[in-house]
Amino acid sequence: MYRNREGTKAVLVSQFESVEAQEAIMGSAELRSHIEKLREMVDSSSPDIYEEAYTYGEFK
């Protein structure tokens, strides 16, 4: 998770082995419970599936 310096915006990046793996997690009771805990801190969200378009250097 990354947040801006002002603490007003955040981005959560997750990696999955496949679209099917992501769908399994997104449908899990454990994730739904976690999302409910975060809901009061989030004004909006827009989950989507992205594919790697470009990589430069090492990501640590």
N, C-alpha and C. Protein backbone atom coordinates (compact mmCIF):
# COMPACT_ATOMS: atom_id res chain seq x y z
N MET A 1 0.86 -1.17 0.00
CA MET A 1 0.00 0.00 0.00
C MET A 1 0.90 1.22 0.00
N TYR A 2 0.53 2.19 -0.79
CA TYR A 2 1.24 3.46 -0.87
C TYR A 2 0.24 4.56 -0.55
N ARG A 3 0.74 5.64 0.09
CA ARG A 3 -0.13 6.79 0.32
C ARG A 3 0.61 8.05 -0.08
N ASN A 4 -0.15 9.08 -0.42
CA ASN A 4 0.50 10.33 -0.77
C ASN A 4 1.02 11.01 0.49
N ARG A 5 1.85 11.99 0.32
CA ARG A 5 2.50 12.64 1.46
C ARG A 5 1.51 13.35 2.38
N GLU A 6 0.41 13.80 1.82
CA GLU A 6 -0.59 14.49 2.64
C GLU A 6 -1.45 13.51 3.43
N GLY A 7 -1.37 12.22 3.10
CA GLY A 7 -2.16 11.23 3.79
C GLY A 7 -3.62 11.23 3.38
N THR A 8 -3.92 11.79 2.19
CA THR A 8 -5.31 11.89 1.75
C THR A 8 -5.69 10.85 0.70
N LYS A 9 -4.69 10.19 0.11
CA LYS A 9 -4.96 9.19 -0.92
C LYS A 9 -4.03 8.00 -0.71
N ALA A 10 -4.52 6.83 -1.12
CA ALA A 10 -3.70 5.62 -1.00
C ALA A 10 -3.96 4.72 -2.20
N VAL A 11 -2.98 3.91 -2.51
CA VAL A 11 -3.08 2.94 -3.60
C VAL A 11 -2.63 1.60 -3.04
N LEU A 12 -3.44 0.59 -3.25
CA LEU A 12 -3.08 -0.76 -2.84
C LEU A 12 -2.81 -1.57 -4.10
N VAL A 13 -1.62 -2.14 -4.18
CA VAL A 13 -1.23 -2.95 -5.34
C VAL A 13 -1.07 -4.39 -4.87
N SER A 14 -1.75 -5.30 -5.53
CA SER A 14 -1.65 -6.73 -5.20
C SER A 14 -1.29 -7.50 -6.46
N GLN A 15 -0.50 -8.53 -6.30
CA GLN A 15 -0.13 -9.38 -7.42
C GLN A 15 -0.72 -10.77 -7.20
N PHE A 16 -1.22 -11.35 -8.28
CA PHE A 16 -1.82 -12.68 -8.24
C PHE A 16 -1.22 -13.53 -9.34
N GLU A 17 -1.22 -14.82 -9.13
CA GLU A 17 -0.70 -15.76 -10.13
C GLU A 17 -1.53 -15.74 -11.41
N SER A 18 -2.82 -15.48 -11.28
CA SER A 18 -3.71 -15.52 -12.44
C SER A 18 -4.98 -14.75 -12.13
N VAL A 19 -5.78 -14.52 -13.16
CA VAL A 19 -7.08 -13.88 -12.97
C VAL A 19 -7.95 -14.75 -12.07
N GLU A 20 -7.87 -16.05 -12.26
CA GLU A 20 -8.66 -16.98 -11.44
C GLU A 20 -8.27 -16.89 -9.97
N ALA A 21 -6.98 -16.75 -9.71
CA ALA A 21 -6.52 -16.61 -8.32
C ALA A 21 -7.04 -15.32 -7.70
N GLN A 22 -7.05 -14.24 -8.49
CA GLN A 22 -7.59 -12.98 -7.99
C GLN A 22 -9.08 -13.11 -7.70
N GLU A 23 -9.80 -13.72 -8.61
CA GLU A 23 -11.24 -13.88 -8.41
C GLU A 23 -11.54 -14.71 -7.17
N ALA A 24 -10.72 -15.72 -6.90
CA ALA A 24 -10.93 -16.55 -5.71
C ALA A 24 -10.74 -15.71 -4.44
N ILE A 25 -9.72 -14.89 -4.41
CA ILE A 25 -9.47 -14.04 -3.24
C ILE A 25 -10.59 -13.00 -3.11
N MET A 26 -10.96 -12.38 -4.23
CA MET A 26 -11.99 -11.34 -4.19
C MET A 26 -13.32 -11.86 -3.68
N GLY A 27 -13.57 -13.15 -3.86
CA GLY A 27 -14.83 -13.74 -3.41
C GLY A 27 -14.76 -14.35 -2.03
N SER A 28 -13.61 -14.23 -1.36
CA SER A 28 -13.44 -14.90 -0.07
C SER A 28 -14.09 -14.13 1.08
N ALA A 29 -14.56 -14.85 2.06
CA ALA A 29 -15.16 -14.24 3.25
C ALA A 29 -14.10 -13.45 4.02
N GLU A 30 -12.88 -13.93 4.02
CA GLU A 30 -11.80 -13.24 4.73
C GLU A 30 -11.57 -11.84 4.15
N LEU A 31 -11.53 -11.72 2.82
CA LEU A 31 -11.33 -10.41 2.21
C LEU A 31 -12.55 -9.51 2.45
N ARG A 32 -13.73 -10.04 2.33
CA ARG A 32 -14.94 -9.23 2.60
C ARG A 32 -14.90 -8.66 4.01
N SER A 33 -14.48 -9.46 4.97
CA SER A 33 -14.37 -9.00 6.35
C SER A 33 -13.34 -7.88 6.47
N HIS A 34 -12.21 -8.04 5.81
CA HIS A 34 -11.15 -7.03 5.82
C HIS A 34 -11.65 -5.73 5.19
N ILE A 35 -12.35 -5.83 4.07
CA ILE A 35 -12.87 -4.65 3.38
C ILE A 35 -13.87 -3.90 4.26
N GLU A 36 -14.70 -4.62 4.99
CA GLU A 36 -15.66 -3.97 5.89
C GLU A 36 -14.94 -3.13 6.94
N LYS A 37 -13.81 -3.61 7.44
CA LYS A 37 -13.04 -2.86 8.44
C LYS A 37 -12.46 -1.59 7.83
N LEU A 38 -12.11 -1.63 6.55
CA LEU A 38 -11.50 -0.48 5.89
C LEU A 38 -12.52 0.50 5.34
N ARG A 39 -13.75 0.06 5.17
CA ARG A 39 -14.77 0.86 4.48
C ARG A 39 -14.92 2.28 5.05
N GLU A 40 -14.83 2.44 6.36
CA GLU A 40 -15.02 3.77 6.94
C GLU A 40 -13.86 4.71 6.61
N MET A 41 -12.75 4.19 6.16
CA MET A 41 -11.60 5.02 5.80
C MET A 41 -11.53 5.32 4.30
N VAL A 42 -12.39 4.70 3.50
CA VAL A 42 -12.29 4.79 2.05
C VAL A 42 -13.50 5.52 1.48
N ASP A 43 -13.23 6.58 0.72
CA ASP A 43 -14.31 7.31 0.05
C ASP A 43 -14.72 6.62 -1.24
N SER A 44 -13.74 6.08 -1.96
CA SER A 44 -14.04 5.39 -3.21
C SER A 44 -12.92 4.42 -3.54
N SER A 45 -13.24 3.47 -4.37
CA SER A 45 -12.23 2.52 -4.85
C SER A 45 -12.62 2.09 -6.26
N SER A 46 -11.64 1.62 -7.01
CA SER A 46 -11.90 1.17 -8.37
C SER A 46 -10.97 0.00 -8.71
N PRO A 47 -11.25 -1.18 -8.14
CA PRO A 47 -10.41 -2.32 -8.42
C PRO A 47 -10.49 -2.71 -9.89
N ASP A 48 -9.38 -3.19 -10.41
CA ASP A 48 -9.31 -3.61 -11.80
C ASP A 48 -8.15 -4.57 -11.96
N ILE A 49 -8.06 -5.19 -13.10
CA ILE A 49 -6.96 -6.08 -13.42
C ILE A 49 -6.05 -5.37 -14.40
N TYR A 50 -4.77 -5.31 -14.07
CA TYR A 50 -3.77 -4.68 -14.92
C TYR A 50 -2.72 -5.72 -15.30
N GLU A 51 -2.17 -5.56 -16.49
CA GLU A 51 -1.08 -6.41 -16.94
C GLU A 51 0.18 -5.57 -17.02
N GLU A 52 1.32 -6.19 -16.75
CA GLU A 52 2.58 -5.47 -16.82
C GLU A 52 2.80 -4.95 -18.24
N ALA A 53 3.09 -3.68 -18.34
CA ALA A 53 3.31 -3.06 -19.64
C ALA A 53 4.79 -2.75 -19.86
N TYR A 54 5.50 -2.49 -18.75
CA TYR A 54 6.89 -2.08 -18.88
C TYR A 54 7.56 -2.24 -17.53
N THR A 55 8.80 -2.69 -17.53
CA THR A 55 9.57 -2.82 -16.30
C THR A 55 10.96 -2.25 -16.52
N TYR A 56 11.43 -1.53 -15.54
CA TYR A 56 12.78 -0.96 -15.59
C TYR A 56 13.43 -1.16 -14.25
N GLY A 57 14.59 -1.75 -14.20
CA GLY A 57 15.32 -1.95 -12.95
C GLY A 57 14.67 -3.02 -12.08
N GLU A 58 15.12 -3.06 -10.83
CA GLU A 58 14.62 -4.05 -9.88
C GLU A 58 13.58 -3.43 -8.97
N PHE A 59 12.57 -4.18 -8.66
CA PHE A 59 11.54 -3.75 -7.71
C PHE A 59 11.83 -4.47 -6.40
N LYS A 60 12.13 -3.72 -5.36
CA LYS A 60 12.49 -4.33 -4.07
C LYS A 60 11.43 -4.05 -3.06
